[in-house]
Amino acid sequence: MELTIELPDSLRDKINDAGDSLPKILECGFKYWSGDDNQGYAGEADLLEIFANFPTPEDVIDLRPSEILQQRVSELLEKSKQPGGLTNTEELEWQRYERLEQMVRKAKAKARLMLAANPDK
């Protein structure tokens, strides 16, 4: 299907960088927007919302990335191994996902320490 839409200039480079991945990105975006993908966290906003609700240590340990996020990280990892590697935009995206992973690992480590200190809970 061919579709013509008007978009702000700020999206032009992102769309160009997406290349053949644009249909998948749109699909993921619509799933997230409609709430169809509520299993796991998909980004910083999701993690902030989870942490703002003061999860139990068990809930923190059970945190998992959403299927969409896992797929995107896999795509970026695979592309990074190919000649030409990642675009600048994709590299920034990859770094953002690395920070997310680091944040979740720290939260899980603290949750495990809390459970170890209070085994009755």
N, C-alpha and C. Protein backbone atom coordinates (compact mmCIF):
# COMPACT_ATOMS: atom_id res chain seq x y z
N MET A 1 0.84 -1.17 0.00
CA MET A 1 0.00 0.00 0.00
C MET A 1 0.89 1.24 0.00
N GLU A 2 0.52 2.18 -0.78
CA GLU A 2 1.25 3.44 -0.81
C GLU A 2 0.42 4.48 -0.09
N LEU A 3 1.10 5.30 0.73
CA LEU A 3 0.43 6.28 1.55
C LEU A 3 1.22 7.58 1.51
N THR A 4 0.53 8.68 1.35
CA THR A 4 1.18 9.98 1.36
C THR A 4 0.63 10.78 2.53
N ILE A 5 1.54 11.22 3.41
CA ILE A 5 1.14 12.02 4.57
C ILE A 5 2.11 13.18 4.74
N GLU A 6 1.64 14.24 5.38
CA GLU A 6 2.50 15.37 5.70
C GLU A 6 3.01 15.21 7.11
N LEU A 7 4.33 15.34 7.27
CA LEU A 7 4.97 15.20 8.57
C LEU A 7 5.87 16.40 8.83
N PRO A 8 6.13 16.70 10.09
CA PRO A 8 7.06 17.79 10.39
C PRO A 8 8.48 17.44 9.93
N ASP A 9 9.23 18.47 9.60
CA ASP A 9 10.61 18.27 9.16
C ASP A 9 11.45 17.51 10.18
N SER A 10 11.11 17.65 11.46
CA SER A 10 11.89 17.00 12.51
C SER A 10 11.86 15.47 12.40
N LEU A 11 10.87 14.93 11.69
CA LEU A 11 10.79 13.48 11.52
C LEU A 11 11.49 12.99 10.24
N ARG A 12 11.83 13.91 9.35
CA ARG A 12 12.42 13.53 8.07
C ARG A 12 13.64 12.64 8.22
N ASP A 13 14.62 13.05 9.03
CA ASP A 13 15.84 12.26 9.20
C ASP A 13 15.56 10.92 9.85
N LYS A 14 14.65 10.91 10.80
CA LYS A 14 14.32 9.64 11.47
C LYS A 14 13.71 8.66 10.47
N ILE A 15 12.85 9.16 9.61
CA ILE A 15 12.21 8.29 8.61
C ILE A 15 13.25 7.80 7.61
N ASN A 16 14.14 8.69 7.19
CA ASN A 16 15.20 8.28 6.26
C ASN A 16 16.10 7.23 6.90
N ASP A 17 16.45 7.41 8.17
CA ASP A 17 17.31 6.45 8.86
C ASP A 17 16.62 5.10 9.06
N ALA A 18 15.31 5.12 9.17
CA ALA A 18 14.57 3.87 9.41
C ALA A 18 14.63 2.94 8.21
N GLY A 19 14.67 3.50 7.02
CA GLY A 19 14.76 2.68 5.82
C GLY A 19 13.68 1.62 5.75
N ASP A 20 14.09 0.37 5.53
CA ASP A 20 13.16 -0.74 5.40
C ASP A 20 12.48 -1.11 6.72
N SER A 21 12.96 -0.58 7.83
CA SER A 21 12.38 -0.89 9.13
C SER A 21 11.15 -0.04 9.45
N LEU A 22 10.87 0.94 8.62
CA LEU A 22 9.76 1.86 8.91
C LEU A 22 8.42 1.14 9.14
N PRO A 23 8.03 0.17 8.32
CA PRO A 23 6.76 -0.51 8.60
C PRO A 23 6.73 -1.17 9.98
N LYS A 24 7.82 -1.79 10.37
CA LYS A 24 7.89 -2.44 11.69
C LYS A 24 7.83 -1.40 12.80
N ILE A 25 8.52 -0.28 12.61
CA ILE A 25 8.51 0.79 13.61
C ILE A 25 7.10 1.33 13.77
N LEU A 26 6.40 1.53 12.66
CA LEU A 26 5.03 2.01 12.73
C LEU A 26 4.13 1.00 13.43
N GLU A 27 4.31 -0.27 13.11
CA GLU A 27 3.51 -1.32 13.76
C GLU A 27 3.74 -1.31 15.27
N CYS A 28 4.99 -1.24 15.68
CA CYS A 28 5.32 -1.20 17.11
C CYS A 28 4.73 0.04 17.77
N GLY A 29 4.85 1.16 17.08
CA GLY A 29 4.31 2.41 17.62
C GLY A 29 2.81 2.35 17.81
N PHE A 30 2.11 1.78 16.84
CA PHE A 30 0.65 1.68 16.97
C PHE A 30 0.25 0.70 18.07
N LYS A 31 0.99 -0.37 18.23
CA LYS A 31 0.70 -1.30 19.33
C LYS A 31 0.86 -0.60 20.67
N TYR A 32 1.96 0.14 20.80
CA TYR A 32 2.21 0.86 22.05
C TYR A 32 1.14 1.92 22.28
N TRP A 33 0.82 2.67 21.24
CA TRP A 33 -0.14 3.77 21.34
C TRP A 33 -1.52 3.26 21.72
N SER A 34 -1.92 2.11 21.17
CA SER A 34 -3.25 1.59 21.45
C SER A 34 -3.31 0.77 22.74
N GLY A 35 -2.16 0.51 23.34
CA GLY A 35 -2.14 -0.24 24.59
C GLY A 35 -2.16 -1.74 24.37
N ASP A 36 -1.98 -2.21 23.14
CA ASP A 36 -1.99 -3.65 22.88
C ASP A 36 -0.78 -4.35 23.47
N ASP A 37 0.29 -3.62 23.69
CA ASP A 37 1.51 -4.23 24.20
C ASP A 37 1.77 -3.72 25.61
N ASN A 38 1.16 -4.34 26.59
CA ASN A 38 1.37 -3.91 27.97
C ASN A 38 2.16 -4.93 28.76
N GLN A 39 2.86 -5.80 28.08
CA GLN A 39 3.69 -6.79 28.75
C GLN A 39 5.13 -6.29 28.77
N GLY A 40 5.60 -5.87 29.91
CA GLY A 40 6.98 -5.41 30.02
C GLY A 40 7.11 -3.93 29.70
N TYR A 41 8.31 -3.43 29.93
CA TYR A 41 8.57 -2.02 29.69
C TYR A 41 9.12 -1.82 28.29
N ALA A 42 8.77 -0.71 27.68
CA ALA A 42 9.21 -0.43 26.32
C ALA A 42 10.19 0.74 26.26
N GLY A 43 10.35 1.46 27.37
CA GLY A 43 11.25 2.59 27.35
C GLY A 43 11.31 3.29 28.68
N GLU A 44 11.97 4.45 28.68
CA GLU A 44 12.17 5.21 29.91
C GLU A 44 10.86 5.58 30.58
N ALA A 45 9.89 6.02 29.79
CA ALA A 45 8.61 6.44 30.37
C ALA A 45 7.93 5.29 31.10
N ASP A 46 7.98 4.10 30.52
CA ASP A 46 7.38 2.94 31.18
C ASP A 46 8.07 2.63 32.50
N LEU A 47 9.40 2.67 32.50
CA LEU A 47 10.14 2.39 33.74
C LEU A 47 9.85 3.44 34.81
N LEU A 48 9.81 4.70 34.40
CA LEU A 48 9.51 5.76 35.36
C LEU A 48 8.12 5.56 35.97
N GLU A 49 7.17 5.17 35.15
CA GLU A 49 5.82 4.93 35.65
C GLU A 49 5.80 3.74 36.62
N ILE A 50 6.51 2.69 36.28
CA ILE A 50 6.59 1.52 37.16
C ILE A 50 7.22 1.91 38.49
N PHE A 51 8.35 2.60 38.45
CA PHE A 51 9.05 2.98 39.69
C PHE A 51 8.26 4.00 40.50
N ALA A 52 7.50 4.86 39.82
CA ALA A 52 6.69 5.85 40.53
C ALA A 52 5.57 5.21 41.34
N ASN A 53 5.21 3.99 40.98
CA ASN A 53 4.17 3.26 41.70
C ASN A 53 4.73 2.42 42.86
N PHE A 54 5.99 2.64 43.19
CA PHE A 54 6.65 1.96 44.31
C PHE A 54 6.43 0.44 44.27
N PRO A 55 7.00 -0.23 43.28
CA PRO A 55 6.81 -1.68 43.16
C PRO A 55 7.48 -2.43 44.31
N THR A 56 7.00 -3.62 44.57
CA THR A 56 7.63 -4.47 45.58
C THR A 56 8.95 -4.97 45.02
N PRO A 57 9.86 -5.42 45.88
CA PRO A 57 11.11 -6.00 45.37
C PRO A 57 10.86 -7.15 44.39
N GLU A 58 9.84 -7.94 44.65
CA GLU A 58 9.52 -9.06 43.75
C GLU A 58 9.11 -8.55 42.37
N ASP A 59 8.33 -7.46 42.37
CA ASP A 59 7.91 -6.87 41.09
C ASP A 59 9.10 -6.33 40.31
N VAL A 60 10.05 -5.74 41.03
CA VAL A 60 11.25 -5.22 40.36
C VAL A 60 12.05 -6.37 39.75
N ILE A 61 12.20 -7.43 40.51
CA ILE A 61 12.96 -8.59 40.00
C ILE A 61 12.28 -9.19 38.77
N ASP A 62 10.96 -9.11 38.71
CA ASP A 62 10.21 -9.66 37.58
C ASP A 62 10.17 -8.74 36.36
N LEU A 63 10.74 -7.54 36.45
CA LEU A 63 10.72 -6.62 35.30
C LEU A 63 11.36 -7.26 34.08
N ARG A 64 10.71 -7.11 32.95
CA ARG A 64 11.22 -7.61 31.68
C ARG A 64 10.94 -6.58 30.60
N PRO A 65 11.80 -6.51 29.60
CA PRO A 65 11.49 -5.63 28.48
C PRO A 65 10.32 -6.19 27.68
N SER A 66 9.58 -5.31 27.05
CA SER A 66 8.46 -5.76 26.21
C SER A 66 9.01 -6.52 25.01
N GLU A 67 8.14 -7.27 24.37
CA GLU A 67 8.53 -8.01 23.17
C GLU A 67 9.00 -7.05 22.08
N ILE A 68 8.31 -5.92 21.98
CA ILE A 68 8.69 -4.92 20.97
C ILE A 68 10.10 -4.40 21.24
N LEU A 69 10.41 -4.11 22.50
CA LEU A 69 11.74 -3.62 22.84
C LEU A 69 12.78 -4.70 22.57
N GLN A 70 12.49 -5.92 22.94
CA GLN A 70 13.44 -7.02 22.68
C GLN A 70 13.72 -7.16 21.19
N GLN A 71 12.67 -7.07 20.37
CA GLN A 71 12.84 -7.18 18.93
C GLN A 71 13.70 -6.04 18.38
N ARG A 72 13.45 -4.83 18.87
CA ARG A 72 14.21 -3.68 18.38
C ARG A 72 15.68 -3.79 18.77
N VAL A 73 15.95 -4.20 19.99
CA VAL A 73 17.35 -4.37 20.43
C VAL A 73 18.03 -5.44 19.58
N SER A 74 17.32 -6.51 19.29
CA SER A 74 17.89 -7.57 18.44
C SER A 74 18.20 -7.04 17.04
N GLU A 75 17.27 -6.23 16.50
CA GLU A 75 17.50 -5.64 15.17
C GLU A 75 18.74 -4.76 15.17
N LEU A 76 18.86 -3.93 16.19
CA LEU A 76 20.02 -3.03 16.27
C LEU A 76 21.31 -3.82 16.45
N LEU A 77 21.28 -4.84 17.26
CA LEU A 77 22.47 -5.67 17.48
C LEU A 77 22.90 -6.33 16.17
N GLU A 78 21.93 -6.88 15.45
CA GLU A 78 22.24 -7.53 14.17
C GLU A 78 22.80 -6.52 13.17
N LYS A 79 22.19 -5.35 13.10
CA LYS A 79 22.65 -4.33 12.16
C LYS A 79 24.04 -3.83 12.53
N SER A 80 24.35 -3.78 13.82
CA SER A 80 25.65 -3.29 14.26
C SER A 80 26.78 -4.21 13.81
N LYS A 81 26.46 -5.45 13.52
CA LYS A 81 27.45 -6.44 13.10
C LYS A 81 27.68 -6.43 11.59
N GLN A 82 26.82 -5.72 10.87
CA GLN A 82 26.91 -5.69 9.42
C GLN A 82 27.81 -4.54 8.96
N PRO A 83 28.33 -4.63 7.74
CA PRO A 83 29.13 -3.52 7.21
C PRO A 83 28.30 -2.23 7.21
N GLY A 84 28.90 -1.17 7.63
CA GLY A 84 28.20 0.11 7.70
C GLY A 84 27.62 0.35 9.08
N GLY A 85 27.30 -0.73 9.78
CA GLY A 85 26.83 -0.62 11.16
C GLY A 85 25.59 0.22 11.34
N LEU A 86 25.52 0.86 12.47
CA LEU A 86 24.36 1.67 12.85
C LEU A 86 24.51 3.11 12.37
N THR A 87 23.39 3.73 12.07
CA THR A 87 23.39 5.16 11.77
C THR A 87 23.61 5.91 13.09
N ASN A 88 23.86 7.19 13.01
CA ASN A 88 24.04 8.00 14.23
C ASN A 88 22.80 7.93 15.11
N THR A 89 21.63 8.01 14.49
CA THR A 89 20.38 7.95 15.24
C THR A 89 20.23 6.59 15.92
N GLU A 90 20.54 5.53 15.21
CA GLU A 90 20.45 4.18 15.79
C GLU A 90 21.47 3.99 16.90
N GLU A 91 22.64 4.57 16.76
CA GLU A 91 23.66 4.47 17.81
C GLU A 91 23.17 5.14 19.09
N LEU A 92 22.54 6.29 18.95
CA LEU A 92 21.96 6.97 20.11
C LEU A 92 20.85 6.13 20.73
N GLU A 93 20.04 5.51 19.90
CA GLU A 93 18.98 4.63 20.38
C GLU A 93 19.58 3.45 21.14
N TRP A 94 20.64 2.86 20.58
CA TRP A 94 21.32 1.74 21.23
C TRP A 94 21.85 2.16 22.60
N GLN A 95 22.45 3.33 22.68
CA GLN A 95 22.98 3.82 23.96
C GLN A 95 21.86 4.03 24.97
N ARG A 96 20.71 4.49 24.50
CA ARG A 96 19.56 4.67 25.38
C ARG A 96 19.11 3.32 25.96
N TYR A 97 19.09 2.29 25.12
CA TYR A 97 18.70 0.96 25.59
C TYR A 97 19.73 0.40 26.57
N GLU A 98 21.00 0.71 26.35
CA GLU A 98 22.04 0.27 27.30
C GLU A 98 21.82 0.93 28.67
N ARG A 99 21.47 2.22 28.67
CA ARG A 99 21.19 2.90 29.94
C ARG A 99 19.97 2.30 30.64
N LEU A 100 18.95 1.97 29.87
CA LEU A 100 17.77 1.32 30.45
C LEU A 100 18.15 0.00 31.12
N GLU A 101 18.93 -0.79 30.42
CA GLU A 101 19.35 -2.09 30.96
C GLU A 101 20.15 -1.91 32.24
N GLN A 102 21.03 -0.92 32.24
CA GLN A 102 21.83 -0.64 33.43
C GLN A 102 20.93 -0.22 34.61
N MET A 103 19.94 0.60 34.34
CA MET A 103 19.01 1.05 35.37
C MET A 103 18.23 -0.14 35.95
N VAL A 104 17.76 -1.03 35.09
CA VAL A 104 16.99 -2.18 35.54
C VAL A 104 17.89 -3.13 36.34
N ARG A 105 19.11 -3.34 35.89
CA ARG A 105 20.03 -4.22 36.64
C ARG A 105 20.30 -3.68 38.04
N LYS A 106 20.50 -2.37 38.16
CA LYS A 106 20.73 -1.77 39.47
C LYS A 106 19.51 -1.93 40.36
N ALA A 107 18.33 -1.68 39.81
CA ALA A 107 17.10 -1.82 40.58
C ALA A 107 16.91 -3.26 41.04
N LYS A 108 17.20 -4.21 40.18
CA LYS A 108 17.05 -5.62 40.54
C LYS A 108 18.07 -6.02 41.61
N ALA A 109 19.28 -5.51 41.52
CA ALA A 109 20.30 -5.81 42.54
C ALA A 109 19.86 -5.28 43.90
N LYS A 110 19.35 -4.06 43.93
CA LYS A 110 18.86 -3.49 45.19
C LYS A 110 17.66 -4.27 45.72
N ALA A 111 16.79 -4.70 44.83
CA ALA A 111 15.62 -5.49 45.25
C ALA A 111 16.06 -6.81 45.86
N ARG A 112 17.06 -7.44 45.27
CA ARG A 112 17.57 -8.72 45.82
C ARG A 112 18.20 -8.50 47.20
N LEU A 113 18.92 -7.38 47.36
CA LEU A 113 19.50 -7.07 48.66
C LEU A 113 18.40 -6.85 49.71
N MET A 114 17.34 -6.17 49.30
CA MET A 114 16.22 -5.94 50.23
C MET A 114 15.58 -7.26 50.65
N LEU A 115 15.40 -8.15 49.68
CA LEU A 115 14.80 -9.45 50.01
C LEU A 115 15.72 -10.29 50.89
N ALA A 116 17.01 -10.20 50.64
CA ALA A 116 17.97 -10.96 51.45
C ALA A 116 18.00 -10.42 52.89
N ALA A 117 17.85 -9.11 53.04
CA ALA A 117 17.88 -8.50 54.38
C ALA A 117 16.59 -8.77 55.16
N ASN A 118 15.51 -9.00 54.43
CA ASN A 118 14.19 -9.26 55.05
C ASN A 118 13.60 -10.53 54.45
N PRO A 119 14.13 -11.70 54.80
CA PRO A 119 13.66 -12.94 54.16
C PRO A 119 12.20 -13.28 54.49
N ASP A 120 11.62 -12.68 55.53
CA ASP A 120 10.24 -12.99 55.91
C ASP A 120 9.22 -12.33 55.01
N LYS A 121 9.63 -11.34 54.23
CA LYS A 121 8.68 -10.60 53.38
C LYS A 121 8.43 -11.30 52.09
